[in-house]
Protein backbone atom coordinates (compact mmCIF):
# COMPACT_ATOMS: atom_id res chain seq x y z
CA MET A 1 -73.63 -30.10 45.88
CA GLY A 2 -69.90 -30.81 45.97
CA ARG A 3 -68.43 -27.83 46.29
CA GLU A 4 -67.17 -26.95 49.69
CA ARG A 5 -67.63 -23.27 51.43
CA ARG A 6 -65.66 -22.34 54.39
CA GLY A 7 -66.82 -19.54 57.39
CA ALA A 8 -65.55 -16.72 58.13
CA GLY A 9 -63.74 -18.77 61.30
CA GLY A 10 -62.16 -21.05 58.76
CA GLY A 11 -64.80 -24.20 59.38
CA VAL A 12 -66.07 -25.84 56.32
CA ARG A 13 -69.81 -24.79 55.95
CA ALA A 14 -72.49 -27.14 54.57
CA PRO A 15 -73.06 -27.18 50.59
CA PRO A 16 -76.19 -25.21 49.41
CA ALA A 17 -79.73 -26.83 50.43
CA ARG A 18 -81.10 -29.13 48.36
CA ALA A 19 -84.34 -29.94 47.04
CA PRO A 20 -86.69 -31.43 49.36
CA ARG A 21 -86.35 -34.99 48.85
CA ARG A 22 -89.73 -36.75 47.59
CA LEU A 23 -90.46 -38.60 51.06
CA ALA A 24 -90.06 -36.03 53.30
CA ALA A 25 -93.75 -35.16 52.37
CA VAL A 26 -95.13 -38.66 53.68
CA ASN A 27 -94.55 -37.88 57.17
CA ALA A 28 -92.30 -35.77 59.49
CA GLN A 29 -92.74 -37.88 62.53
CA ASP A 30 -91.44 -40.91 60.22
CA GLU A 31 -89.31 -43.35 62.03
CA THR A 32 -92.36 -44.81 64.14
CA ALA A 33 -94.35 -44.78 61.12
CA LYS A 34 -95.23 -48.25 59.38
CA PRO A 35 -92.46 -49.72 56.88
CA SER A 36 -93.80 -51.33 54.02
CA ASP A 37 -95.08 -54.51 53.74
CA PRO A 38 -92.13 -57.09 53.97
CA PRO A 39 -90.84 -58.44 50.64
CA SER A 40 -91.21 -62.00 50.00
CA PRO A 41 -88.14 -64.02 49.15
CA ALA A 42 -89.07 -63.73 45.67
CA ALA A 43 -90.20 -60.38 45.57
CA ASP A 44 -90.81 -58.36 41.99
CA GLY A 45 -87.67 -56.31 41.38
CA ALA A 46 -85.58 -57.34 43.77
CA VAL A 47 -81.83 -56.18 42.81
CA SER A 48 -78.53 -57.29 44.01
CA ALA A 49 -75.95 -55.04 45.74
CA ALA A 50 -73.95 -55.31 42.73
CA VAL A 51 -76.82 -53.37 40.93
CA LEU A 52 -76.90 -50.95 43.55
CA ALA A 53 -73.42 -50.14 43.36
CA GLU A 54 -73.52 -49.43 39.67
CA ARG A 55 -76.24 -46.66 40.20
CA LEU A 56 -73.85 -45.10 42.77
CA ARG A 57 -71.23 -44.36 40.28
CA GLY A 58 -73.42 -42.01 38.23
CA LEU A 59 -74.46 -39.65 41.11
CA ALA A 60 -72.87 -36.33 41.44
CA PRO A 61 -70.29 -35.31 44.16
CA SER A 62 -71.19 -34.61 47.33
CA CYS A 63 -68.15 -33.90 49.15
CA GLY A 64 -65.51 -32.62 47.30
CA PRO A 65 -64.52 -35.56 44.75
CA VAL A 66 -66.55 -37.74 46.70
CA ARG A 67 -70.02 -39.52 46.26
CA LEU A 68 -71.01 -39.91 50.05
CA VAL A 69 -73.64 -42.22 50.28
CA GLY A 70 -75.94 -42.77 53.97
CA ILE A 71 -77.13 -45.47 55.10
CA ASP A 72 -79.71 -45.20 57.77
CA GLY A 73 -82.36 -47.39 59.86
CA HIS A 74 -83.07 -48.52 62.87
CA ALA A 75 -80.17 -50.77 65.31
CA GLY A 76 -80.22 -53.96 63.63
CA SER A 77 -82.19 -53.29 60.75
CA GLY A 78 -79.20 -54.77 58.14
CA LYS A 79 -76.70 -51.19 57.13
CA SER A 80 -73.86 -53.06 58.36
CA THR A 81 -74.66 -56.28 55.67
CA LEU A 82 -75.90 -54.03 52.80
CA ALA A 83 -72.60 -51.21 53.57
CA LEU A 84 -70.34 -54.19 52.97
CA ARG A 85 -72.15 -55.58 50.27
CA VAL A 86 -72.11 -52.61 47.91
CA ALA A 87 -68.92 -51.92 49.12
CA GLU A 88 -67.06 -54.97 47.98
CA ALA A 89 -69.43 -54.48 44.73
CA LEU A 90 -67.23 -51.53 43.97
CA GLY A 91 -64.35 -52.85 44.60
CA GLY A 92 -63.61 -52.62 48.25
CA VAL A 93 -64.56 -48.69 48.53
CA PRO A 94 -64.33 -47.21 51.75
CA VAL A 95 -67.16 -47.91 54.52
CA LEU A 96 -67.10 -44.95 57.71
CA ARG A 97 -69.15 -46.85 60.64
CA LEU A 98 -70.61 -44.15 62.80
CA ASP A 99 -70.24 -46.42 65.63
CA ASP A 100 -66.65 -45.60 65.40
CA PHE A 101 -67.71 -41.94 66.11
CA ALA A 102 -69.97 -42.20 68.80
CA SER A 103 -69.44 -43.46 72.12
CA HIS A 104 -71.04 -44.76 75.41
CA GLU A 105 -71.28 -41.04 76.73
CA HIS A 106 -72.05 -39.36 73.52
CA PRO A 107 -74.39 -42.05 71.32
CA PHE A 108 -75.10 -39.33 69.09
CA GLY A 109 -73.10 -35.97 69.91
CA TRP A 110 -70.51 -36.93 67.23
CA THR A 111 -71.63 -34.52 64.51
CA GLY A 112 -68.59 -32.41 64.81
CA ARG A 113 -66.25 -34.75 64.78
CA PHE A 114 -67.29 -36.34 62.07
CA ALA A 115 -67.62 -32.68 60.32
CA ALA A 116 -63.66 -32.29 61.63
CA GLN A 117 -61.89 -35.42 60.53
CA VAL A 118 -64.37 -36.36 57.38
CA LEU A 119 -66.26 -34.13 55.86
CA GLU A 120 -63.52 -31.11 55.71
CA PRO A 121 -60.73 -33.36 54.95
CA PHE A 122 -62.97 -34.39 51.99
CA ALA A 123 -63.90 -31.25 50.84
CA HIS A 124 -60.50 -30.63 49.94
CA GLY A 125 -60.01 -33.85 48.56
CA GLU A 126 -57.50 -35.62 51.65
CA SER A 127 -57.95 -38.48 53.35
CA ALA A 128 -60.12 -38.53 56.66
CA VAL A 129 -58.19 -39.42 59.70
CA PHE A 130 -59.76 -40.77 62.60
CA ARG A 131 -59.30 -43.16 65.77
CA PRO A 132 -62.55 -45.42 66.20
CA TYR A 133 -63.92 -45.69 69.25
CA ASP A 134 -62.80 -49.27 71.33
CA TRP A 135 -66.44 -49.94 73.03
CA HIS A 136 -64.49 -52.48 75.06
CA ALA A 137 -62.08 -50.24 76.24
CA ARG A 138 -64.35 -46.95 76.41
CA ARG A 139 -61.47 -44.87 74.68
CA PRO A 140 -60.33 -44.08 71.15
CA GLY A 141 -58.64 -46.86 69.69
CA ARG A 142 -55.73 -46.95 66.52
CA THR A 143 -55.59 -43.92 63.63
CA ARG A 144 -57.06 -45.11 61.00
CA THR A 145 -57.45 -43.36 57.50
CA ALA A 146 -60.02 -43.17 54.67
CA ALA A 147 -59.01 -42.06 51.15
CA PRO A 148 -61.05 -39.62 49.43
CA ALA A 149 -62.73 -42.69 47.23
CA PRO A 150 -64.88 -41.48 44.33
CA VAL A 151 -67.82 -43.12 46.35
CA VAL A 152 -67.72 -43.79 50.42
CA LEU A 153 -70.40 -45.14 52.13
CA VAL A 154 -71.58 -44.12 55.39
CA GLU A 155 -73.49 -46.33 57.15
CA GLY A 156 -75.25 -46.07 61.03
CA VAL A 157 -77.75 -44.50 62.87
CA GLY A 158 -78.29 -40.99 62.44
CA ALA A 159 -76.16 -41.57 58.96
CA GLY A 160 -79.14 -39.30 57.51
CA ARG A 161 -79.01 -36.67 60.40
CA ARG A 162 -80.07 -32.67 59.35
CA ALA A 163 -76.43 -31.85 59.89
CA LEU A 164 -75.14 -34.64 57.18
CA ARG A 165 -77.80 -34.61 54.49
CA PRO A 166 -76.09 -31.71 52.50
CA TRP A 167 -73.11 -33.58 52.33
CA LEU A 168 -74.72 -36.69 50.86
CA SER A 169 -75.23 -37.51 47.38
CA LEU A 170 -77.76 -40.27 48.32
CA LEU A 171 -79.55 -41.13 51.22
CA TRP A 172 -80.83 -44.58 51.96
CA TRP A 173 -83.32 -45.74 54.62
CA MET A 174 -83.17 -49.65 55.65
CA ASP A 175 -86.97 -49.79 56.29
CA LEU A 176 -87.13 -52.52 58.93
CA ALA A 177 -89.82 -51.84 61.64
CA ARG A 178 -88.23 -50.39 64.87
CA GLU A 179 -89.27 -53.71 67.00
CA ALA A 180 -87.83 -55.84 64.77
CA ALA A 181 -85.29 -54.43 64.03
CA TRP A 182 -84.00 -54.00 67.89
CA GLU A 183 -84.62 -58.06 68.40
CA ARG A 184 -82.57 -58.83 65.81
CA GLY A 185 -79.74 -56.16 67.00
CA ARG A 186 -80.11 -58.11 70.70
CA GLU A 187 -80.23 -61.59 69.72
CA ARG A 188 -77.00 -60.61 67.32
CA ASP A 189 -75.29 -59.18 70.50
CA GLY A 190 -76.54 -61.71 73.14
CA PRO A 191 -77.86 -61.33 76.47
CA ASP A 192 -74.44 -59.32 78.12
CA LEU A 193 -75.16 -56.46 76.19
CA ALA A 194 -78.94 -56.71 77.24
CA ASP A 195 -78.56 -53.40 79.69
CA PHE A 196 -76.67 -51.92 76.94
CA TRP A 197 -79.97 -52.41 74.81
CA ASP A 198 -81.59 -50.72 76.84
CA GLY A 199 -80.24 -47.39 77.30
CA TRP A 200 -79.70 -47.45 73.53
CA GLU A 201 -83.10 -47.95 72.55
CA ARG A 202 -84.49 -45.06 74.20
CA ALA A 203 -81.51 -42.98 72.67
CA GLU A 204 -82.45 -44.25 69.40
CA ALA A 205 -85.73 -42.84 69.85
CA ALA A 206 -85.04 -39.56 71.40
CA HIS A 207 -82.78 -39.23 67.97
CA PHE A 208 -85.37 -39.84 65.81
CA ARG A 209 -88.12 -37.96 67.40
CA ALA A 210 -85.92 -34.60 67.44
CA ASP A 211 -84.07 -35.67 64.16
CA PRO A 212 -85.83 -38.19 61.42
CA SER A 213 -84.24 -39.64 58.80
CA ARG A 214 -86.82 -41.57 57.25
CA PRO A 215 -88.68 -38.71 55.48
CA PHE A 216 -86.14 -37.39 53.65
CA ALA A 217 -84.26 -40.87 52.55
CA ASP A 218 -84.00 -41.01 48.52
CA ALA A 219 -84.90 -44.58 48.70
CA LEU A 220 -86.67 -46.76 51.30
CA VAL A 221 -84.45 -50.49 51.09
CA GLN A 222 -86.02 -53.62 52.54
CA GLU A 223 -84.03 -57.01 52.43
CA CYS A 224 -85.02 -59.91 50.12
CA GLY A 225 -82.83 -62.74 50.84
CA GLU A 226 -79.51 -61.83 48.96
CA GLY A 227 -81.64 -59.16 47.35
CA TYR A 228 -82.85 -55.82 47.98
CA VAL A 229 -85.99 -54.15 46.82
CA LEU A 230 -85.81 -50.20 46.40
CA ARG A 231 -88.90 -47.75 47.05
CA LYS A 232 -89.20 -44.20 46.92
């Protein structure tokens, strides 16, 4: 990990494949697998986001100088909250939201764009430059940049997809059951987005059937009040 390779066409190729992750042996058809029993509000072993953040500092860089950390899970599972808490604990490191790279027409067709606008620049120690998708206007918004900080978080459904895993220093899976996560997401977004959620649930289920993330996670993460319990 950490050294980029350039193909004959000039594009960045993935670094050498990592050894299989421990959870990959559990079940390759995993996103519908039953999550671990939910922790109690005062579960033993629960740690703060600040503790998790400190653990990231010791990782090896995986994309040029960057320790790219993926946070995957079902929509509504708490990925964004964890990412924001960890980023804050690390002094405000960049958080890349995969919602900014997806679109209504292509909710999971963002791999090439992410590689060109994020992975390739980071691999060369340069800033990522991209235009986040505006979900209301249905078009790209204003240009943003993300510096190649020592730690950069990538959060969103599909952060642990096959094409991204070789570039990650670490992959967390937010271990909340699909139905519970979707219910929470629907409640958060309200009835005006009910039709969107109907389509999203079908698209997400199809994505994870074809390209599961959970079996390849370094740890399964469960929320526990203001803290988190990690299981391997």
